[in-house]
C-alpha atoms as a PDB file:
ATOM      1  CA  MET A   1      -3.832 -11.461 -27.524  1.00  0.00           C
ATOM      2  CA  ASP A   2      -3.930  -9.200 -30.580  1.00  0.00           C
ATOM      3  CA  ASN A   3      -5.625 -11.943 -32.618  1.00  0.00           C
ATOM      4  CA  PRO A   4      -9.436 -11.344 -32.630  1.00  0.00           C
ATOM      5  CA  ILE A   5     -10.053 -15.103 -32.835  1.00  0.00           C
ATOM      6  CA  ASP A   6      -8.038 -15.695 -29.638  1.00  0.00           C
ATOM      7  CA  LYS A   7      -9.952 -12.925 -27.869  1.00  0.00           C
ATOM      8  CA  ALA A   8     -13.276 -14.407 -28.999  1.00  0.00           C
ATOM      9  CA  LYS A   9     -12.277 -17.863 -27.706  1.00  0.00           C
ATOM     10  CA  ILE A  10     -11.430 -16.434 -24.292  1.00  0.00           C
ATOM     11  CA  LEU A  11     -14.751 -14.595 -24.104  1.00  0.00           C
ATOM     12  CA  VAL A  12     -16.677 -17.765 -25.079  1.00  0.00           C
ATOM     13  CA  GLU A  13     -14.832 -19.728 -22.358  1.00  0.00           C
ATOM     14  CA  ALA A  14     -15.573 -17.002 -19.807  1.00  0.00           C
ATOM     15  CA  LEU A  15     -19.297 -16.699 -20.519  1.00  0.00           C
ATOM     16  CA  PRO A  16     -20.443 -19.587 -18.248  1.00  0.00           C
ATOM     17  CA  TYR A  17     -18.516 -18.060 -15.330  1.00  0.00           C
ATOM     18  CA  ILE A  18     -19.900 -14.585 -16.049  1.00  0.00           C
ATOM     19  CA  ARG A  19     -23.453 -15.999 -16.008  1.00  0.00           C
ATOM     20  CA  ARG A  20     -22.804 -18.005 -12.835  1.00  0.00           C
ATOM     21  CA  PHE A  21     -21.369 -15.098 -10.832  1.00  0.00           C
ATOM     22  CA  SER A  22     -23.448 -12.262 -12.296  1.00  0.00           C
ATOM     23  CA  ASN A  23     -24.798 -10.032  -9.494  1.00  0.00           C
ATOM     24  CA  LYS A  24     -22.969 -12.163  -6.908  1.00  0.00           C
ATOM     25  CA  THR A  25     -20.445 -11.000  -4.307  1.00  0.00           C
ATOM     26  CA  VAL A  26     -16.880 -12.297  -4.461  1.00  0.00           C
ATOM     27  CA  VAL A  27     -14.503 -11.601  -1.543  1.00  0.00           C
ATOM     28  CA  ILE A  28     -10.829 -11.366  -2.520  1.00  0.00           C
ATOM     29  CA  LYS A  29      -8.034 -11.505   0.055  1.00  0.00           C
ATOM     30  CA  TYR A  30      -5.185  -9.515  -1.539  1.00  0.00           C
ATOM     31  CA  GLY A  31      -1.648  -9.938  -0.244  1.00  0.00           C
ATOM     32  CA  GLY A  32       1.858 -11.172  -0.911  1.00  0.00           C
ATOM     33  CA  SER A  33       4.229 -10.037  -3.654  1.00  0.00           C
ATOM     34  CA  THR A  34       1.274  -9.049  -5.864  1.00  0.00           C
ATOM     35  CA  MET A  35       1.001  -5.985  -3.612  1.00  0.00           C
ATOM     36  CA  GLU A  36       4.583  -4.885  -4.317  1.00  0.00           C
ATOM     37  CA  GLU A  37       5.309  -5.580  -7.994  1.00  0.00           C
ATOM     38  CA  GLU A  38       4.050  -2.707 -10.176  1.00  0.00           C
ATOM     39  CA  SER A  39       2.883  -4.862 -13.077  1.00  0.00           C
ATOM     40  CA  ALA A  40       1.060  -7.240 -10.725  1.00  0.00           C
ATOM     41  CA  LYS A  41      -0.606  -4.312  -8.933  1.00  0.00           C
ATOM     42  CA  ARG A  42      -1.883  -2.860 -12.213  1.00  0.00           C
ATOM     43  CA  SER A  43      -3.097  -6.271 -13.354  1.00  0.00           C
ATOM     44  CA  PHE A  44      -4.944  -6.820 -10.068  1.00  0.00           C
ATOM     45  CA  ALA A  45      -6.641  -3.412 -10.276  1.00  0.00           C
ATOM     46  CA  LEU A  46      -7.708  -4.030 -13.881  1.00  0.00           C
ATOM     47  CA  ASP A  47      -9.109  -7.457 -12.988  1.00  0.00           C
ATOM     48  CA  VAL A  48     -11.129  -5.985 -10.112  1.00  0.00           C
ATOM     49  CA  VAL A  49     -12.549  -3.241 -12.338  1.00  0.00           C
ATOM     50  CA  LEU A  50     -13.405  -5.832 -15.014  1.00  0.00           C
ATOM     51  CA  LEU A  51     -15.265  -7.975 -12.477  1.00  0.00           C
ATOM     52  CA  LYS A  52     -17.370  -4.974 -11.481  1.00  0.00           C
ATOM     53  CA  TYR A  53     -17.949  -4.035 -15.118  1.00  0.00           C
ATOM     54  CA  ILE A  54     -19.398  -7.468 -16.004  1.00  0.00           C
ATOM     55  CA  GLY A  55     -21.760  -7.444 -13.022  1.00  0.00           C
ATOM     56  CA  ILE A  56     -19.780  -9.249 -10.309  1.00  0.00           C
ATOM     57  CA  HIS A  57     -19.364  -7.446  -6.960  1.00  0.00           C
ATOM     58  CA  PRO A  58     -15.783  -7.719  -5.640  1.00  0.00           C
ATOM     59  CA  VAL A  59     -15.003  -6.943  -2.008  1.00  0.00           C
ATOM     60  CA  ILE A  60     -11.279  -6.631  -1.226  1.00  0.00           C
ATOM     61  CA  VAL A  61      -9.656  -7.503   2.115  1.00  0.00           C
ATOM     62  CA  HIS A  62      -5.939  -6.758   2.041  1.00  0.00           C
ATOM     63  CA  GLY A  63      -2.892  -7.688   4.061  1.00  0.00           C
ATOM     64  CA  GLY A  64       0.292  -5.719   4.556  1.00  0.00           C
ATOM     65  CA  GLY A  65       2.646  -7.775   6.727  1.00  0.00           C
ATOM     66  CA  PRO A  66       5.813  -7.053   4.712  1.00  0.00           C
ATOM     67  CA  GLN A  67       5.056  -3.315   4.605  1.00  0.00           C
ATOM     68  CA  ILE A  68       4.514  -3.277   8.375  1.00  0.00           C
ATOM     69  CA  GLY A  69       7.799  -5.114   8.898  1.00  0.00           C
ATOM     70  CA  GLN A  70       9.657  -2.649   6.689  1.00  0.00           C
ATOM     71  CA  LEU A  71       8.429   0.383   8.626  1.00  0.00           C
ATOM     72  CA  LEU A  72       9.143  -1.249  11.988  1.00  0.00           C
ATOM     73  CA  THR A  73      12.697  -1.925  10.804  1.00  0.00           C
ATOM     74  CA  ARG A  74      13.077   1.705   9.674  1.00  0.00           C
ATOM     75  CA  ILE A  75      12.138   3.004  13.123  1.00  0.00           C
ATOM     76  CA  GLY A  76      14.445   0.508  14.798  1.00  0.00           C
ATOM     77  CA  LYS A  77      11.804  -1.846  16.209  1.00  0.00           C
ATOM     78  CA  LYS A  78      12.317  -5.569  15.756  1.00  0.00           C
ATOM     79  CA  SER A  79       9.380  -7.679  14.579  1.00  0.00           C
ATOM     80  CA  GLN A  80       8.585 -10.627  16.810  1.00  0.00           C
ATOM     81  CA  PHE A  81       6.362 -13.575  15.909  1.00  0.00           C
ATOM     82  CA  ILE A  82       4.918 -16.317  18.100  1.00  0.00           C
ATOM     83  CA  GLU A  83       3.119 -19.240  16.468  1.00  0.00           C
ATOM     84  CA  GLY A  84       3.122 -17.228  13.235  1.00  0.00           C
ATOM     85  CA  MET A  85       1.355 -14.233  14.832  1.00  0.00           C
ATOM     86  CA  ARG A  86       2.953 -10.791  15.089  1.00  0.00           C
ATOM     87  CA  VAL A  87       3.439  -9.664  18.695  1.00  0.00           C
ATOM     88  CA  THR A  88       1.655  -6.310  18.785  1.00  0.00           C
ATOM     89  CA  ASP A  89       2.326  -3.912  21.642  1.00  0.00           C
ATOM     90  CA  SER A  90       0.794  -0.407  21.635  1.00  0.00           C
ATOM     91  CA  GLU A  91       3.655   1.110  19.603  1.00  0.00           C
ATOM     92  CA  THR A  92       3.500  -1.698  17.038  1.00  0.00           C
ATOM     93  CA  MET A  93      -0.282  -1.329  16.851  1.00  0.00           C
ATOM     94  CA  ASP A  94       0.147   2.337  15.940  1.00  0.00           C
ATOM     95  CA  VAL A  95       2.476   1.306  13.106  1.00  0.00           C
ATOM     96  CA  VAL A  96       0.108  -1.476  11.973  1.00  0.00           C
ATOM     97  CA  GLU A  97      -2.828   0.928  11.770  1.00  0.00           C
ATOM     98  CA  MET A  98      -0.747   3.619  10.085  1.00  0.00           C
ATOM     99  CA  VAL A  99       0.502   1.208   7.405  1.00  0.00           C
ATOM    100  CA  LEU A 100      -2.691  -0.773   6.783  1.00  0.00           C
ATOM    101  CA  VAL A 101      -5.259   2.021   7.004  1.00  0.00           C
ATOM    102  CA  GLY A 102      -3.240   5.113   6.155  1.00  0.00           C
ATOM    103  CA  LYS A 103      -0.938   3.779   3.438  1.00  0.00           C
ATOM    104  CA  VAL A 104      -1.706   0.362   1.931  1.00  0.00           C
ATOM    105  CA  ASN A 105      -5.472   0.789   1.904  1.00  0.00           C
ATOM    106  CA  LYS A 106      -5.293   4.207   0.254  1.00  0.00           C
ATOM    107  CA  GLU A 107      -2.814   2.963  -2.359  1.00  0.00           C
ATOM    108  CA  ILE A 108      -5.120   0.099  -3.356  1.00  0.00           C
ATOM    109  CA  VAL A 109      -8.112   2.438  -3.553  1.00  0.00           C
ATOM    110  CA  ALA A 110      -6.180   4.907  -5.709  1.00  0.00           C
ATOM    111  CA  MET A 111      -4.916   2.096  -7.945  1.00  0.00           C
ATOM    112  CA  ILE A 112      -8.423   0.737  -8.617  1.00  0.00           C
ATOM    113  CA  ASN A 113      -9.838   4.217  -9.184  1.00  0.00           C
ATOM    114  CA  HIS A 114      -7.012   5.024 -11.594  1.00  0.00           C
ATOM    115  CA  GLN A 115      -8.060   2.031 -13.696  1.00  0.00           C
ATOM    116  CA  GLY A 116     -11.644   3.292 -13.907  1.00  0.00           C
ATOM    117  CA  GLY A 117     -13.223   1.735 -10.831  1.00  0.00           C
ATOM    118  CA  LYS A 118     -15.052   3.323  -7.892  1.00  0.00           C
ATOM    119  CA  ALA A 119     -13.278   2.031  -4.778  1.00  0.00           C
ATOM    120  CA  VAL A 120     -13.785   3.159  -1.176  1.00  0.00           C
ATOM    121  CA  GLY A 121     -11.377   2.350   1.657  1.00  0.00           C
ATOM    122  CA  LEU A 122     -12.609   1.026   4.997  1.00  0.00           C
ATOM    123  CA  SER A 123     -11.139  -0.226   8.240  1.00  0.00           C
ATOM    124  CA  GLY A 124     -12.937  -2.417  10.715  1.00  0.00           C
ATOM    125  CA  LYS A 125     -13.631   0.689  12.792  1.00  0.00           C
ATOM    126  CA  ASP A 126     -15.871   2.211  10.113  1.00  0.00           C
ATOM    127  CA  GLY A 127     -19.483   1.496  11.036  1.00  0.00           C
ATOM    128  CA  ARG A 128     -18.143  -1.077  13.533  1.00  0.00           C
ATOM    129  CA  LEU A 129     -17.575  -3.262  10.495  1.00  0.00           C
ATOM    130  CA  ILE A 130     -15.212  -5.636  12.343  1.00  0.00           C
ATOM    131  CA  VAL A 131     -15.980  -6.063  16.045  1.00  0.00           C
ATOM    132  CA  ALA A 132     -13.050  -7.878  17.625  1.00  0.00           C
ATOM    133  CA  ARG A 133     -11.864  -9.367  20.888  1.00  0.00           C
ATOM    134  CA  LYS A 134      -8.370 -10.124  22.146  1.00  0.00           C
ATOM    135  CA  LEU A 135      -6.951 -13.330  20.719  1.00  0.00           C
ATOM    136  CA  LYS A 136      -6.028 -15.847  23.395  1.00  0.00           C
ATOM    137  CA  LEU A 137      -3.101 -17.717  21.902  1.00  0.00           C
ATOM    138  CA  LYS A 138      -2.590 -21.203  23.276  1.00  0.00           C
ATOM    139  CA  LYS A 139       0.722 -22.990  22.895  1.00  0.00           C
ATOM    140  CA  SER A 140       0.481 -26.720  23.398  1.00  0.00           C
ATOM    141  CA  GLY A 141       2.494 -28.064  26.302  1.00  0.00           C
ATOM    142  CA  GLY A 142       4.231 -31.379  26.644  1.00  0.00           C
ATOM    143  CA  LEU A 143       2.655 -34.722  27.438  1.00  0.00           C
ATOM    144  CA  ASN A 144       0.072 -34.395  30.245  1.00  0.00           C
ATOM    145  CA  GLU A 145       0.742 -30.618  30.435  1.00  0.00           C
ATOM    146  CA  ALA A 146      -1.929 -27.944  30.083  1.00  0.00           C
ATOM    147  CA  PRO A 147      -1.649 -25.556  27.107  1.00  0.00           C
ATOM    148  CA  GLU A 148       0.246 -22.343  27.825  1.00  0.00           C
ATOM    149  CA  LEU A 149      -1.635 -19.057  27.364  1.00  0.00           C
ATOM    150  CA  ILE A 150       0.569 -16.471  25.627  1.00  0.00           C
ATOM    151  CA  ASP A 151      -0.131 -12.737  25.588  1.00  0.00           C
ATOM    152  CA  ILE A 152       0.811 -11.340  22.159  1.00  0.00           C
ATOM    153  CA  GLY A 153      -0.646  -7.883  22.731  1.00  0.00           C
ATOM    154  CA  MET A 154      -3.266  -6.178  20.595  1.00  0.00           C
ATOM    155  CA  VAL A 155      -3.871  -9.120  18.292  1.00  0.00           C
ATOM    156  CA  GLY A 156      -7.528  -9.863  17.850  1.00  0.00           C
ATOM    157  CA  GLU A 157      -9.982 -12.319  16.452  1.00  0.00           C
ATOM    158  CA  VAL A 158     -13.267 -11.499  14.781  1.00  0.00           C
ATOM    159  CA  LYS A 159     -16.228 -11.466  17.135  1.00  0.00           C
ATOM    160  CA  GLU A 160     -18.747 -10.058  14.683  1.00  0.00           C
ATOM    161  CA  ILE A 161     -18.996  -8.593  11.179  1.00  0.00           C
ATOM    162  CA  ASN A 162     -21.545  -5.826  10.608  1.00  0.00           C
ATOM    163  CA  PRO A 163     -21.880  -5.864   6.805  1.00  0.00           C
ATOM    164  CA  GLY A 164     -24.303  -2.928   6.461  1.00  0.00           C
ATOM    165  CA  VAL A 165     -21.654  -0.450   5.308  1.00  0.00           C
ATOM    166  CA  ILE A 166     -20.380  -2.906   2.669  1.00  0.00           C
ATOM    167  CA  GLU A 167     -23.885  -3.634   1.404  1.00  0.00           C
ATOM    168  CA  ALA A 168     -24.644   0.098   1.163  1.00  0.00           C
ATOM    169  CA  LEU A 169     -21.494   0.664  -0.902  1.00  0.00           C
ATOM    170  CA  GLU A 170     -22.286  -2.284  -3.180  1.00  0.00           C
ATOM    171  CA  LYS A 171     -25.760  -0.883  -3.905  1.00  0.00           C
ATOM    172  CA  GLU A 172     -24.113   2.318  -5.162  1.00  0.00           C
ATOM    173  CA  ASN A 173     -21.664   0.317  -7.326  1.00  0.00           C
ATOM    174  CA  PHE A 174     -18.630   1.081  -5.162  1.00  0.00           C
ATOM    175  CA  ILE A 175     -15.860  -1.459  -4.556  1.00  0.00           C
ATOM    176  CA  PRO A 176     -15.129  -1.823  -0.805  1.00  0.00           C
ATOM    177  CA  VAL A 177     -11.455  -2.196   0.151  1.00  0.00           C
ATOM    178  CA  ILE A 178     -11.058  -3.332   3.763  1.00  0.00           C
ATOM    179  CA  ALA A 179      -8.033  -3.080   6.074  1.00  0.00           C
ATOM    180  CA  PRO A 180      -8.028  -5.890   8.694  1.00  0.00           C
ATOM    181  CA  VAL A 181      -8.061  -3.663  11.770  1.00  0.00           C
ATOM    182  CA  GLY A 182     -10.836  -4.396  14.251  1.00  0.00           C
ATOM    183  CA  VAL A 183     -12.456  -2.488  17.088  1.00  0.00           C
ATOM    184  CA  GLY A 184     -13.127  -3.866  20.575  1.00  0.00           C
ATOM    185  CA  GLU A 185     -16.173  -3.314  22.744  1.00  0.00           C
ATOM    186  CA  GLU A 186     -14.368  -0.516  24.603  1.00  0.00           C
ATOM    187  CA  GLY A 187     -13.074   1.114  21.419  1.00  0.00           C
ATOM    188  CA  GLU A 188      -9.641  -0.530  21.531  1.00  0.00           C
ATOM    189  CA  THR A 189      -7.873  -1.339  18.245  1.00  0.00           C
ATOM    190  CA  TYR A 190      -6.865  -4.865  17.214  1.00  0.00           C
ATOM    191  CA  ASN A 191      -4.552  -6.250  14.552  1.00  0.00           C
ATOM    192  CA  ILE A 192      -6.279  -9.218  12.868  1.00  0.00           C
ATOM    193  CA  ASN A 193      -5.015 -11.769  10.347  1.00  0.00           C
ATOM    194  CA  ALA A 194      -6.314 -10.736   6.906  1.00  0.00           C
ATOM    195  CA  ASP A 195      -7.164 -14.306   5.859  1.00  0.00           C
ATOM    196  CA  LEU A 196      -9.422 -14.699   8.896  1.00  0.00           C
ATOM    197  CA  VAL A 197     -11.115 -11.357   8.236  1.00  0.00           C
ATOM    198  CA  ALA A 198     -11.708 -12.263   4.587  1.00  0.00           C
ATOM    199  CA  GLY A 199     -13.334 -15.539   5.585  1.00  0.00           C
ATOM    200  CA  LYS A 200     -15.622 -13.877   8.128  1.00  0.00           C
ATOM    201  CA  VAL A 201     -16.571 -11.100   5.687  1.00  0.00           C
ATOM    202  CA  ALA A 202     -17.378 -13.682   3.002  1.00  0.00           C
ATOM    203  CA  SER A 203     -19.577 -15.572   5.450  1.00  0.00           C
ATOM    204  CA  ALA A 204     -21.405 -12.425   6.631  1.00  0.00           C
ATOM    205  CA  LEU A 205     -22.073 -11.329   3.040  1.00  0.00           C
ATOM    206  CA  LYS A 206     -23.020 -14.857   1.938  1.00  0.00           C
ATOM    207  CA  ALA A 207     -20.463 -14.391  -0.825  1.00  0.00           C
ATOM    208  CA  GLU A 208     -20.510 -16.760  -3.776  1.00  0.00           C
ATOM    209  CA  LYS A 209     -16.749 -17.256  -3.567  1.00  0.00           C
ATOM    210  CA  LEU A 210     -13.713 -16.432  -1.399  1.00  0.00           C
ATOM    211  CA  ILE A 211     -10.440 -15.999  -3.297  1.00  0.00           C
ATOM    212  CA  LEU A 212      -7.107 -15.939  -1.423  1.00  0.00           C
ATOM    213  CA  LEU A 213      -4.619 -14.081  -3.620  1.00  0.00           C
ATOM    214  CA  THR A 214      -1.308 -14.266  -1.760  1.00  0.00           C
ATOM    215  CA  ASP A 215       2.037 -16.048  -1.664  1.00  0.00           C
ATOM    216  CA  VAL A 216       3.231 -15.204   1.854  1.00  0.00           C
ATOM    217  CA  GLU A 217       1.895 -15.376   5.396  1.00  0.00           C
ATOM    218  CA  GLU A 218       0.465 -12.094   6.668  1.00  0.00           C
END
């Protein structure tokens, strides 16, 4: 990439995409090993800052499943999954919120800011950004049997996205970074799949594109 001709070719190839997405919102779900490898983390942060610099508005929704699992293991609590969903009792929910909101979110914000961006961390509780309800998990029964309802604790699904706080940040050229923790009607906290949150956020913002950047289930 030191050759000026190669750089010029890349810029020429990128111009149609820059024009197409200029002043548009792009929602990026960020997860997997790209959140753990240092070089990949730096590359991601630089890419996000570049998008903002050329006039595209990135909104980040991140996962953190492996990090949650690591902390649960450290405190001696075994992770349990049913139908691919993490069983989340009150103690696990405390760990989920601590890791997603207090650690992972802040690390991503700091990483983007270090590369010259202006990122702000949010959880679904901020401005009631993600209003959630308890997820009713159904496990299919056998032939002629009704589906079984399974209680997996404080796992939620998105009831409503209130995008006002994101739109306000975008107007001031900030990059929103969202942890997928939702709030219930009575103020209860819910753990929500990051892919689902990213999709709902993209829909609420009428985003031009939704990008899923991950290599593992969250």
